[in-house]
Structure formats: C-alpha cells, structure tokens
Amino acid sequence: MEPTIQYKKETMRRIYMVFLIKKLYGRIAMKMYAVLALLYFQTYLVSVKNVLMNMPSVTDLGAVARFYSYAFLNTQTSVQVLTVLLGATILWLFRDLFRRDYTLAE
C-alpha cells in the first residue's frame, strides 16, 4: 500500500473517532442516557407487566387517565420521584431537540 493512502486512511479513522466521541458525549446523548437510566430504575421498582395487565382499554381515555393518576398518587415516593425526574428529563431533551439553534454538528 502506498504511504499516502495509508496516511489518508489513518487520518480519516481518527476523524471518524473524534466525530463518534463528540456524538456519544454530546448534550443530547447525555440526556438520552439519563432517560434510559431512569427507565431502567423505574422498571426495577415497578412491575410493568402487572401495570399493563391491570390497565383499562386504551380506547377509554378517561379510564386510562384515572388509572394512571390513581396509580401515581398511590405508589411509593421513590417511584413518584423517578417518574417526575423522567418526565422532566424527557421535556428537557425535547426542548433541546426542537430548539432553533440546534444542529446535528453539536
């Protein structure tokens, strides 16, 4: 292989690595990691399978809203805190995604 071609390949490999690191540690990625971590902890504390089995039909929106509000108000404080943190983090993530100054290069 020619030295210039090998040099070009090594240079491009480094450029791709820097690009990947910037994407993995960007502000959007960190918020997504936080959402995933909060979801993991919440599924550790809540039996999602049982919640879905006890949930009313999704076509009855009023019953679903009452079910989730009652479930939220009558659960452990740790689950309530995780739910509020999860919602706030998702809103924070969407705010950053839909900001006018957000570009894919960040």
PDB file of N, CA and C in Angstrom:
ATOM      1  N   MET A   1       0.838  -1.171   0.000  1.00  0.00           N
ATOM      2  CA  MET A   1       0.000   0.000   0.000  1.00  0.00           C
ATOM      3  C   MET A   1       0.892   1.245   0.000  1.00  0.00           C
ATOM      4  N   GLU A   2       0.498   2.243  -0.718  1.00  0.00           N
ATOM      5  CA  GLU A   2       1.271   3.472  -0.781  1.00  0.00           C
ATOM      6  C   GLU A   2       1.212   4.207   0.551  1.00  0.00           C
ATOM      7  N   PRO A   3       2.291   4.887   0.913  1.00  0.00           N
ATOM      8  CA  PRO A   3       2.304   5.622   2.187  1.00  0.00           C
ATOM      9  C   PRO A   3       1.227   6.709   2.254  1.00  0.00           C
ATOM     10  N   THR A   4       0.927   7.374   1.138  1.00  0.00           N
ATOM     11  CA  THR A   4      -0.073   8.444   1.169  1.00  0.00           C
ATOM     12  C   THR A   4      -1.474   7.874   1.401  1.00  0.00           C
ATOM     13  N   ILE A   5      -1.761   6.712   0.841  1.00  0.00           N
ATOM     14  CA  ILE A   5      -3.071   6.092   1.033  1.00  0.00           C
ATOM     15  C   ILE A   5      -3.217   5.637   2.485  1.00  0.00           C
ATOM     16  N   GLN A   6      -2.169   5.034   3.027  1.00  0.00           N
ATOM     17  CA  GLN A   6      -2.213   4.596   4.415  1.00  0.00           C
ATOM     18  C   GLN A   6      -2.338   5.795   5.351  1.00  0.00           C
ATOM     19  N   TYR A   7      -1.631   6.866   5.067  1.00  0.00           N
ATOM     20  CA  TYR A   7      -1.731   8.081   5.876  1.00  0.00           C
ATOM     21  C   TYR A   7      -3.154   8.639   5.822  1.00  0.00           C
ATOM     22  N   LYS A   8      -3.749   8.628   4.651  1.00  0.00           N
ATOM     23  CA  LYS A   8      -5.121   9.128   4.494  1.00  0.00           C
ATOM     24  C   LYS A   8      -6.100   8.266   5.287  1.00  0.00           C
ATOM     25  N   LYS A   9      -5.926   6.959   5.240  1.00  0.00           N
ATOM     26  CA  LYS A   9      -6.811   6.063   5.984  1.00  0.00           C
ATOM     27  C   LYS A   9      -6.688   6.280   7.488  1.00  0.00           C
ATOM     28  N   GLU A  10      -5.469   6.411   7.973  1.00  0.00           N
ATOM     29  CA  GLU A  10      -5.265   6.652   9.407  1.00  0.00           C
ATOM     30  C   GLU A  10      -5.858   7.987   9.834  1.00  0.00           C
ATOM     31  N   THR A  11      -5.679   8.994   8.996  1.00  0.00           N
ATOM     32  CA  THR A  11      -6.230  10.313   9.301  1.00  0.00           C
ATOM     33  C   THR A  11      -7.751  10.260   9.336  1.00  0.00           C
ATOM     34  N   MET A  12      -8.348   9.635   8.359  1.00  0.00           N
ATOM     35  CA  MET A  12      -9.811   9.536   8.319  1.00  0.00           C
ATOM     36  C   MET A  12     -10.344   8.711   9.496  1.00  0.00           C
ATOM     37  N   ARG A  13      -9.636   7.678   9.887  1.00  0.00           N
ATOM     38  CA  ARG A  13     -10.041   6.882  11.031  1.00  0.00           C
ATOM     39  C   ARG A  13     -10.061   7.734  12.299  1.00  0.00           C
ATOM     40  N   ARG A  14      -9.067   8.577  12.460  1.00  0.00           N
ATOM     41  CA  ARG A  14      -9.029   9.477  13.626  1.00  0.00           C
ATOM     42  C   ARG A  14     -10.158  10.503  13.576  1.00  0.00           C
ATOM     43  N   ILE A  15     -10.428  11.012  12.397  1.00  0.00           N
ATOM     44  CA  ILE A  15     -11.523  11.978  12.250  1.00  0.00           C
ATOM     45  C   ILE A  15     -12.854  11.324  12.600  1.00  0.00           C
ATOM     46  N   TYR A  16     -13.089  10.111  12.124  1.00  0.00           N
ATOM     47  CA  TYR A  16     -14.325   9.389  12.456  1.00  0.00           C
ATOM     48  C   TYR A  16     -14.416   9.128  13.953  1.00  0.00           C
ATOM     49  N   MET A  17     -13.288   8.811  14.595  1.00  0.00           N
ATOM     50  CA  MET A  17     -13.282   8.555  16.029  1.00  0.00           C
ATOM     51  C   MET A  17     -13.646   9.813  16.809  1.00  0.00           C
ATOM     52  N   VAL A  18     -13.098  10.943  16.426  1.00  0.00           N
ATOM     53  CA  VAL A  18     -13.428  12.212  17.092  1.00  0.00           C
ATOM     54  C   VAL A  18     -14.901  12.538  16.893  1.00  0.00           C
ATOM     55  N   PHE A  19     -15.419  12.325  15.689  1.00  0.00           N
ATOM     56  CA  PHE A  19     -16.832  12.569  15.412  1.00  0.00           C
ATOM     57  C   PHE A  19     -17.711  11.684  16.287  1.00  0.00           C
ATOM     58  N   LEU A  20     -17.364  10.411  16.405  1.00  0.00           N
ATOM     59  CA  LEU A  20     -18.137   9.478  17.217  1.00  0.00           C
ATOM     60  C   LEU A  20     -18.102   9.871  18.694  1.00  0.00           C
ATOM     61  N   ILE A  21     -16.949  10.253  19.187  1.00  0.00           N
ATOM     62  CA  ILE A  21     -16.831  10.665  20.592  1.00  0.00           C
ATOM     63  C   ILE A  21     -17.666  11.910  20.856  1.00  0.00           C
ATOM     64  N   LYS A  22     -17.650  12.861  19.918  1.00  0.00           N
ATOM     65  CA  LYS A  22     -18.469  14.063  20.098  1.00  0.00           C
ATOM     66  C   LYS A  22     -19.953  13.715  20.141  1.00  0.00           C
ATOM     67  N   LYS A  23     -20.378  12.762  19.330  1.00  0.00           N
ATOM     68  CA  LYS A  23     -21.786  12.363  19.317  1.00  0.00           C
ATOM     69  C   LYS A  23     -22.154  11.603  20.588  1.00  0.00           C
ATOM     70  N   LEU A  24     -21.266  10.735  21.071  1.00  0.00           N
ATOM     71  CA  LEU A  24     -21.569   9.934  22.255  1.00  0.00           C
ATOM     72  C   LEU A  24     -21.581  10.755  23.534  1.00  0.00           C
ATOM     73  N   TYR A  25     -20.861  11.866  23.556  1.00  0.00           N
ATOM     74  CA  TYR A  25     -20.786  12.675  24.765  1.00  0.00           C
ATOM     75  C   TYR A  25     -21.420  14.054  24.586  1.00  0.00           C
ATOM     76  N   GLY A  26     -22.262  14.216  23.592  1.00  0.00           N
ATOM     77  CA  GLY A  26     -22.939  15.486  23.373  1.00  0.00           C
ATOM     78  C   GLY A  26     -24.069  15.695  24.368  1.00  0.00           C
ATOM     79  N   ARG A  27     -24.633  16.894  24.360  1.00  0.00           N
ATOM     80  CA  ARG A  27     -25.688  17.219  25.333  1.00  0.00           C
ATOM     81  C   ARG A  27     -26.952  16.411  25.097  1.00  0.00           C
ATOM     82  N   ILE A  28     -27.276  16.138  23.844  1.00  0.00           N
ATOM     83  CA  ILE A  28     -28.467  15.339  23.555  1.00  0.00           C
ATOM     84  C   ILE A  28     -28.239  13.896  23.991  1.00  0.00           C
ATOM     85  N   ALA A  29     -27.075  13.358  23.704  1.00  0.00           N
ATOM     86  CA  ALA A  29     -26.781  11.971  24.065  1.00  0.00           C
ATOM     87  C   ALA A  29     -26.802  11.780  25.574  1.00  0.00           C
ATOM     88  N   MET A  30     -26.260  12.727  26.316  1.00  0.00           N
ATOM     89  CA  MET A  30     -26.248  12.605  27.779  1.00  0.00           C
ATOM     90  C   MET A  30     -27.665  12.589  28.342  1.00  0.00           C
ATOM     91  N   LYS A  31     -28.545  13.385  27.771  1.00  0.00           N
ATOM     92  CA  LYS A  31     -29.931  13.382  28.240  1.00  0.00           C
ATOM     93  C   LYS A  31     -30.623  12.072  27.881  1.00  0.00           C
ATOM     94  N   MET A  32     -30.288  11.522  26.731  1.00  0.00           N
ATOM     95  CA  MET A  32     -30.867  10.229  26.361  1.00  0.00           C
ATOM     96  C   MET A  32     -30.358   9.127  27.298  1.00  0.00           C
ATOM     97  N   TYR A  33     -29.090   9.189  27.674  1.00  0.00           N
ATOM     98  CA  TYR A  33     -28.559   8.216  28.626  1.00  0.00           C
ATOM     99  C   TYR A  33     -29.270   8.349  29.966  1.00  0.00           C
ATOM    100  N   ALA A  34     -29.552   9.576  30.381  1.00  0.00           N
ATOM    101  CA  ALA A  34     -30.262   9.801  31.646  1.00  0.00           C
ATOM    102  C   ALA A  34     -31.672   9.223  31.575  1.00  0.00           C
ATOM    103  N   VAL A  35     -32.348   9.408  30.449  1.00  0.00           N
ATOM    104  CA  VAL A  35     -33.698   8.841  30.275  1.00  0.00           C
ATOM    105  C   VAL A  35     -33.640   7.320  30.353  1.00  0.00           C
ATOM    106  N   LEU A  36     -32.674   6.726  29.684  1.00  0.00           N
ATOM    107  CA  LEU A  36     -32.546   5.262  29.718  1.00  0.00           C
ATOM    108  C   LEU A  36     -32.254   4.758  31.130  1.00  0.00           C
ATOM    109  N   ALA A  37     -31.399   5.459  31.858  1.00  0.00           N
ATOM    110  CA  ALA A  37     -31.086   5.055  33.231  1.00  0.00           C
ATOM    111  C   ALA A  37     -32.316   5.168  34.124  1.00  0.00           C
ATOM    112  N   LEU A  38     -33.064   6.263  33.995  1.00  0.00           N
ATOM    113  CA  LEU A  38     -34.276   6.431  34.799  1.00  0.00           C
ATOM    114  C   LEU A  38     -35.323   5.381  34.456  1.00  0.00           C
ATOM    115  N   LEU A  39     -35.451   5.060  33.170  1.00  0.00           N
ATOM    116  CA  LEU A  39     -36.386   3.999  32.774  1.00  0.00           C
ATOM    117  C   LEU A  39     -35.973   2.657  33.365  1.00  0.00           C
ATOM    118  N   TYR A  40     -34.675   2.376  33.351  1.00  0.00           N
ATOM    119  CA  TYR A  40     -34.190   1.131  33.927  1.00  0.00           C
ATOM    120  C   TYR A  40     -34.528   1.048  35.405  1.00  0.00           C
ATOM    121  N   PHE A  41     -34.241   2.111  36.157  1.00  0.00           N
ATOM    122  CA  PHE A  41     -34.528   2.097  37.593  1.00  0.00           C
ATOM    123  C   PHE A  41     -36.024   2.011  37.866  1.00  0.00           C
ATOM    124  N   GLN A  42     -36.815   2.648  37.015  1.00  0.00           N
ATOM    125  CA  GLN A  42     -38.253   2.594  37.223  1.00  0.00           C
ATOM    126  C   GLN A  42     -38.791   1.192  36.948  1.00  0.00           C
ATOM    127  N   THR A  43     -38.295   0.526  35.930  1.00  0.00           N
ATOM    128  CA  THR A  43     -38.747  -0.839  35.678  1.00  0.00           C
ATOM    129  C   THR A  43     -38.244  -1.797  36.752  1.00  0.00           C
ATOM    130  N   TYR A  44     -37.174  -1.411  37.426  1.00  0.00           N
ATOM    131  CA  TYR A  44     -36.685  -2.215  38.547  1.00  0.00           C
ATOM    132  C   TYR A  44     -37.638  -2.104  39.744  1.00  0.00           C
ATOM    133  N   LEU A  45     -38.254  -0.940  39.928  1.00  0.00           N
ATOM    134  CA  LEU A  45     -39.150  -0.724  41.062  1.00  0.00           C
ATOM    135  C   LEU A  45     -40.610  -1.052  40.767  1.00  0.00           C
ATOM    136  N   VAL A  46     -41.014  -0.980  39.510  1.00  0.00           N
ATOM    137  CA  VAL A  46     -42.414  -1.157  39.132  1.00  0.00           C
ATOM    138  C   VAL A  46     -42.536  -2.396  38.245  1.00  0.00           C
ATOM    139  N   SER A  47     -43.554  -3.199  38.521  1.00  0.00           N
ATOM    140  CA  SER A  47     -43.828  -4.354  37.667  1.00  0.00           C
ATOM    141  C   SER A  47     -44.652  -3.883  36.474  1.00  0.00           C
ATOM    142  N   VAL A  48     -43.967  -3.609  35.371  1.00  0.00           N
ATOM    143  CA  VAL A  48     -44.621  -3.077  34.185  1.00  0.00           C
ATOM    144  C   VAL A  48     -45.633  -4.081  33.647  1.00  0.00           C
ATOM    145  N   LYS A  49     -45.310  -5.344  33.731  1.00  0.00           N
ATOM    146  CA  LYS A  49     -46.215  -6.394  33.245  1.00  0.00           C
ATOM    147  C   LYS A  49     -47.553  -6.327  33.994  1.00  0.00           C
ATOM    148  N   ASN A  50     -47.507  -6.183  35.310  1.00  0.00           N
ATOM    149  CA  ASN A  50     -48.745  -6.117  36.086  1.00  0.00           C
ATOM    150  C   ASN A  50     -49.506  -4.818  35.835  1.00  0.00           C
ATOM    151  N   VAL A  51     -48.790  -3.728  35.642  1.00  0.00           N
ATOM    152  CA  VAL A  51     -49.457  -2.457  35.342  1.00  0.00           C
ATOM    153  C   VAL A  51     -50.217  -2.571  34.030  1.00  0.00           C
ATOM    154  N   LEU A  52     -49.576  -3.130  33.027  1.00  0.00           N
ATOM    155  CA  LEU A  52     -50.237  -3.275  31.729  1.00  0.00           C
ATOM    156  C   LEU A  52     -51.408  -4.251  31.783  1.00  0.00           C
ATOM    157  N   MET A  53     -51.306  -5.291  32.612  1.00  0.00           N
ATOM    158  CA  MET A  53     -52.413  -6.236  32.739  1.00  0.00           C
ATOM    159  C   MET A  53     -53.613  -5.592  33.439  1.00  0.00           C
ATOM    160  N   ASN A  54     -53.381  -4.700  34.402  1.00  0.00           N
ATOM    161  CA  ASN A  54     -54.455  -4.063  35.151  1.00  0.00           C
ATOM    162  C   ASN A  54     -55.000  -2.809  34.480  1.00  0.00           C
ATOM    163  N   MET A  55     -54.343  -2.331  33.469  1.00  0.00           N
ATOM    164  CA  MET A  55     -54.741  -1.100  32.804  1.00  0.00           C
ATOM    165  C   MET A  55     -56.038  -1.305  32.022  1.00  0.00           C
ATOM    166  N   PRO A  56     -56.922  -0.313  32.039  1.00  0.00           N
ATOM    167  CA  PRO A  56     -58.144  -0.435  31.239  1.00  0.00           C
ATOM    168  C   PRO A  56     -57.843  -0.313  29.752  1.00  0.00           C
ATOM    169  N   SER A  57     -58.847  -0.499  28.947  1.00  0.00           N
ATOM    170  CA  SER A  57     -58.682  -0.422  27.494  1.00  0.00           C
ATOM    171  C   SER A  57     -58.178   0.959  27.091  1.00  0.00           C
ATOM    172  N   VAL A  58     -57.237   1.003  26.161  1.00  0.00           N
ATOM    173  CA  VAL A  58     -56.654   2.278  25.740  1.00  0.00           C
ATOM    174  C   VAL A  58     -57.644   3.135  24.969  1.00  0.00           C
ATOM    175  N   THR A  59     -58.753   2.566  24.526  1.00  0.00           N
ATOM    176  CA  THR A  59     -59.753   3.351  23.816  1.00  0.00           C
ATOM    177  C   THR A  59     -60.562   4.233  24.762  1.00  0.00           C
ATOM    178  N   ASP A  60     -60.614   3.862  26.035  1.00  0.00           N
ATOM    179  CA  ASP A  60     -61.318   4.663  27.040  1.00  0.00           C
ATOM    180  C   ASP A  60     -60.299   5.582  27.711  1.00  0.00           C
ATOM    181  N   LEU A  61     -60.082   6.747  27.120  1.00  0.00           N
ATOM    182  CA  LEU A  61     -59.028   7.651  27.585  1.00  0.00           C
ATOM    183  C   LEU A  61     -59.275   8.166  29.001  1.00  0.00           C
ATOM    184  N   GLY A  62     -60.530   8.375  29.361  1.00  0.00           N
ATOM    185  CA  GLY A  62     -60.827   8.839  30.713  1.00  0.00           C
ATOM    186  C   GLY A  62     -60.428   7.813  31.757  1.00  0.00           C
ATOM    187  N   ALA A  63     -60.733   6.547  31.483  1.00  0.00           N
ATOM    188  CA  ALA A  63     -60.382   5.481  32.420  1.00  0.00           C
ATOM    189  C   ALA A  63     -58.862   5.320  32.521  1.00  0.00           C
ATOM    190  N   VAL A  64     -58.176   5.465  31.406  1.00  0.00           N
ATOM    191  CA  VAL A  64     -56.712   5.353  31.410  1.00  0.00           C
ATOM    192  C   VAL A  64     -56.110   6.503  32.219  1.00  0.00           C
ATOM    193  N   ALA A  65     -56.634   7.713  32.037  1.00  0.00           N
ATOM    194  CA  ALA A  65     -56.126   8.870  32.786  1.00  0.00           C
ATOM    195  C   ALA A  65     -56.375   8.689  34.285  1.00  0.00           C
ATOM    196  N   ARG A  66     -57.564   8.221  34.662  1.00  0.00           N
ATOM    197  CA  ARG A  66     -57.853   7.973  36.080  1.00  0.00           C
ATOM    198  C   ARG A  66     -56.948   6.878  36.634  1.00  0.00           C
ATOM    199  N   PHE A  67     -56.751   5.833  35.852  1.00  0.00           N
ATOM    200  CA  PHE A  67     -55.905   4.716  36.293  1.00  0.00           C
ATOM    201  C   PHE A  67     -54.492   5.196  36.590  1.00  0.00           C
ATOM    202  N   TYR A  68     -53.889   5.937  35.646  1.00  0.00           N
ATOM    203  CA  TYR A  68     -52.509   6.374  35.839  1.00  0.00           C
ATOM    204  C   TYR A  68     -52.387   7.429  36.929  1.00  0.00           C
ATOM    205  N   SER A  69     -53.369   8.319  37.052  1.00  0.00           N
ATOM    206  CA  SER A  69     -53.288   9.305  38.131  1.00  0.00           C
ATOM    207  C   SER A  69     -53.448   8.629  39.494  1.00  0.00           C
ATOM    208  N   TYR A  70     -54.360   7.675  39.588  1.00  0.00           N
ATOM    209  CA  TYR A  70     -54.536   6.944  40.842  1.00  0.00           C
ATOM    210  C   TYR A  70     -53.278   6.119  41.156  1.00  0.00           C
ATOM    211  N   ALA A  71     -52.729   5.475  40.143  1.00  0.00           N
ATOM    212  CA  ALA A  71     -51.517   4.669  40.342  1.00  0.00           C
ATOM    213  C   ALA A  71     -50.348   5.544  40.775  1.00  0.00           C
ATOM    214  N   PHE A  72     -50.220   6.726  40.181  1.00  0.00           N
ATOM    215  CA  PHE A  72     -49.127   7.622  40.544  1.00  0.00           C
ATOM    216  C   PHE A  72     -49.285   8.135  41.975  1.00  0.00           C
ATOM    217  N   LEU A  73     -50.493   8.526  42.339  1.00  0.00           N
ATOM    218  CA  LEU A  73     -50.721   9.096  43.666  1.00  0.00           C
ATOM    219  C   LEU A  73     -50.618   8.057  44.783  1.00  0.00           C
ATOM    220  N   ASN A  74     -50.821   6.793  44.466  1.00  0.00           N
ATOM    221  CA  ASN A  74     -50.833   5.758  45.492  1.00  0.00           C
ATOM    222  C   ASN A  74     -49.653   4.798  45.379  1.00  0.00           C
ATOM    223  N   THR A  75     -48.547   5.280  44.878  1.00  0.00           N
ATOM    224  CA  THR A  75     -47.353   4.453  44.785  1.00  0.00           C
ATOM    225  C   THR A  75     -46.290   4.977  45.750  1.00  0.00           C
ATOM    226  N   GLN A  76     -45.168   4.301  45.800  1.00  0.00           N
ATOM    227  CA  GLN A  76     -44.079   4.705  46.690  1.00  0.00           C
ATOM    228  C   GLN A  76     -43.504   6.056  46.262  1.00  0.00           C
ATOM    229  N   THR A  77     -42.943   6.749  47.216  1.00  0.00           N
ATOM    230  CA  THR A  77     -42.357   8.061  46.940  1.00  0.00           C
ATOM    231  C   THR A  77     -41.197   7.946  45.959  1.00  0.00           C
ATOM    232  N   SER A  78     -40.430   6.882  46.053  1.00  0.00           N
ATOM    233  CA  SER A  78     -39.291   6.715  45.138  1.00  0.00           C
ATOM    234  C   SER A  78     -39.767   6.592  43.690  1.00  0.00           C
ATOM    235  N   VAL A  79     -40.866   5.908  43.478  1.00  0.00           N
ATOM    236  CA  VAL A  79     -41.411   5.770  42.119  1.00  0.00           C
ATOM    237  C   VAL A  79     -41.946   7.115  41.640  1.00  0.00           C
ATOM    238  N   GLN A  80     -42.572   7.873  42.527  1.00  0.00           N
ATOM    239  CA  GLN A  80     -43.069   9.197  42.150  1.00  0.00           C
ATOM    240  C   GLN A  80     -41.919  10.122  41.769  1.00  0.00           C
ATOM    241  N   VAL A  81     -40.852  10.099  42.547  1.00  0.00           N
ATOM    242  CA  VAL A  81     -39.692  10.946  42.250  1.00  0.00           C
ATOM    243  C   VAL A  81     -39.072  10.545  40.921  1.00  0.00           C
ATOM    244  N   LEU A  82     -38.911   9.247  40.690  1.00  0.00           N
ATOM    245  CA  LEU A  82     -38.356   8.783  39.417  1.00  0.00           C
ATOM    246  C   LEU A  82     -39.245   9.182  38.247  1.00  0.00           C
ATOM    247  N   THR A  83     -40.552   9.107  38.414  1.00  0.00           N
ATOM    248  CA  THR A  83     -41.473   9.471  37.344  1.00  0.00           C
ATOM    249  C   THR A  83     -41.382  10.958  37.021  1.00  0.00           C
ATOM    250  N   VAL A  84     -41.320  11.786  38.052  1.00  0.00           N
ATOM    251  CA  VAL A  84     -41.196  13.231  37.829  1.00  0.00           C
ATOM    252  C   VAL A  84     -39.852  13.550  37.171  1.00  0.00           C
ATOM    253  N   LEU A  85     -38.782  12.932  37.641  1.00  0.00           N
ATOM    254  CA  LEU A  85     -37.468  13.146  37.027  1.00  0.00           C
ATOM    255  C   LEU A  85     -37.450  12.686  35.577  1.00  0.00           C
ATOM    256  N   LEU A  86     -38.077  11.561  35.306  1.00  0.00           N
ATOM    257  CA  LEU A  86     -38.137  11.046  33.938  1.00  0.00           C
ATOM    258  C   LEU A  86     -38.896  12.012  33.036  1.00  0.00           C
ATOM    259  N   GLY A  87     -40.037  12.485  33.498  1.00  0.00           N
ATOM    260  CA  GLY A  87     -40.812  13.437  32.703  1.00  0.00           C
ATOM    261  C   GLY A  87     -40.058  14.729  32.460  1.00  0.00           C
ATOM    262  N   ALA A  88     -39.394  15.245  33.492  1.00  0.00           N
ATOM    263  CA  ALA A  88     -38.627  16.485  33.345  1.00  0.00           C
ATOM    264  C   ALA A  88     -37.454  16.297  32.386  1.00  0.00           C
ATOM    265  N   THR A  89     -36.794  15.155  32.462  1.00  0.00           N
ATOM    266  CA  THR A  89     -35.660  14.899  31.577  1.00  0.00           C
ATOM    267  C   THR A  89     -36.121  14.756  30.129  1.00  0.00           C
ATOM    268  N   ILE A  90     -37.259  14.116  29.921  1.00  0.00           N
ATOM    269  CA  ILE A  90     -37.793  13.979  28.560  1.00  0.00           C
ATOM    270  C   ILE A  90     -38.173  15.354  28.008  1.00  0.00           C
ATOM    271  N   LEU A  91     -38.808  16.183  28.819  1.00  0.00           N
ATOM    272  CA  LEU A  91     -39.142  17.535  28.365  1.00  0.00           C
ATOM    273  C   LEU A  91     -37.884  18.338  28.049  1.00  0.00           C
ATOM    274  N   TRP A  92     -36.859  18.197  28.875  1.00  0.00           N
ATOM    275  CA  TRP A  92     -35.582  18.874  28.657  1.00  0.00           C
ATOM    276  C   TRP A  92     -34.935  18.398  27.357  1.00  0.00           C
ATOM    277  N   LEU A  93     -35.029  17.098  27.096  1.00  0.00           N
ATOM    278  CA  LEU A  93     -34.487  16.532  25.863  1.00  0.00           C
ATOM    279  C   LEU A  93     -35.233  17.076  24.653  1.00  0.00           C
ATOM    280  N   PHE A  94     -36.565  17.086  24.701  1.00  0.00           N
ATOM    281  CA  PHE A  94     -37.349  17.600  23.579  1.00  0.00           C
ATOM    282  C   PHE A  94     -37.108  19.093  23.363  1.00  0.00           C
ATOM    283  N   ARG A  95     -36.916  19.830  24.438  1.00  0.00           N
ATOM    284  CA  ARG A  95     -36.610  21.257  24.305  1.00  0.00           C
ATOM    285  C   ARG A  95     -35.324  21.441  23.510  1.00  0.00           C
ATOM    286  N   ASP A  96     -34.320  20.638  23.822  1.00  0.00           N
ATOM    287  CA  ASP A  96     -33.062  20.749  23.091  1.00  0.00           C
ATOM    288  C   ASP A  96     -33.199  20.269  21.648  1.00  0.00           C
ATOM    289  N   LEU A  97     -34.016  19.256  21.420  1.00  0.00           N
ATOM    290  CA  LEU A  97     -34.169  18.745  20.061  1.00  0.00           C
ATOM    291  C   LEU A  97     -34.885  19.739  19.159  1.00  0.00           C
ATOM    292  N   PHE A  98     -35.805  20.505  19.707  1.00  0.00           N
ATOM    293  CA  PHE A  98     -36.611  21.401  18.884  1.00  0.00           C
ATOM    294  C   PHE A  98     -36.176  22.868  18.971  1.00  0.00           C
ATOM    295  N   ARG A  99     -35.052  23.128  19.582  1.00  0.00           N
ATOM    296  CA  ARG A  99     -34.532  24.490  19.611  1.00  0.00           C
ATOM    297  C   ARG A  99     -34.089  24.896  18.216  1.00  0.00           C
ATOM    298  N   ARG A 100     -34.219  26.156  17.927  1.00  0.00           N
ATOM    299  CA  ARG A 100     -33.866  26.623  16.578  1.00  0.00           C
ATOM    300  C   ARG A 100     -32.365  26.620  16.337  1.00  0.00           C
ATOM    301  N   ASP A 101     -31.568  26.770  17.392  1.00  0.00           N
ATOM    302  CA  ASP A 101     -30.127  26.823  17.203  1.00  0.00           C
ATOM    303  C   ASP A 101     -29.473  25.453  17.252  1.00  0.00           C
ATOM    304  N   TYR A 102     -30.276  24.388  17.411  1.00  0.00           N
ATOM    305  CA  TYR A 102     -29.718  23.040  17.465  1.00  0.00           C
ATOM    306  C   TYR A 102     -29.341  22.592  16.055  1.00  0.00           C
ATOM    307  N   THR A 103     -28.148  22.067  15.910  1.00  0.00           N
ATOM    308  CA  THR A 103     -27.717  21.497  14.637  1.00  0.00           C
ATOM    309  C   THR A 103     -27.192  20.100  14.905  1.00  0.00           C
ATOM    310  N   LEU A 104     -27.111  19.302  13.878  1.00  0.00           N
ATOM    311  CA  LEU A 104     -26.612  17.940  14.048  1.00  0.00           C
ATOM    312  C   LEU A 104     -25.118  17.913  14.331  1.00  0.00           C
ATOM    313  N   ALA A 105     -24.438  19.004  14.106  1.00  0.00           N
ATOM    314  CA  ALA A 105     -22.995  19.046  14.340  1.00  0.00           C
ATOM    315  C   ALA A 105     -22.645  19.185  15.815  1.00  0.00           C
ATOM    316  N   GLU A 106     -23.614  19.520  16.659  1.00  0.00           N
ATOM    317  CA  GLU A 106     -23.318  19.701  18.080  1.00  0.00           C
ATOM    318  C   GLU A 106     -23.200  18.382  18.778  1.00  0.00           C
TER     319      GLU A 106
END
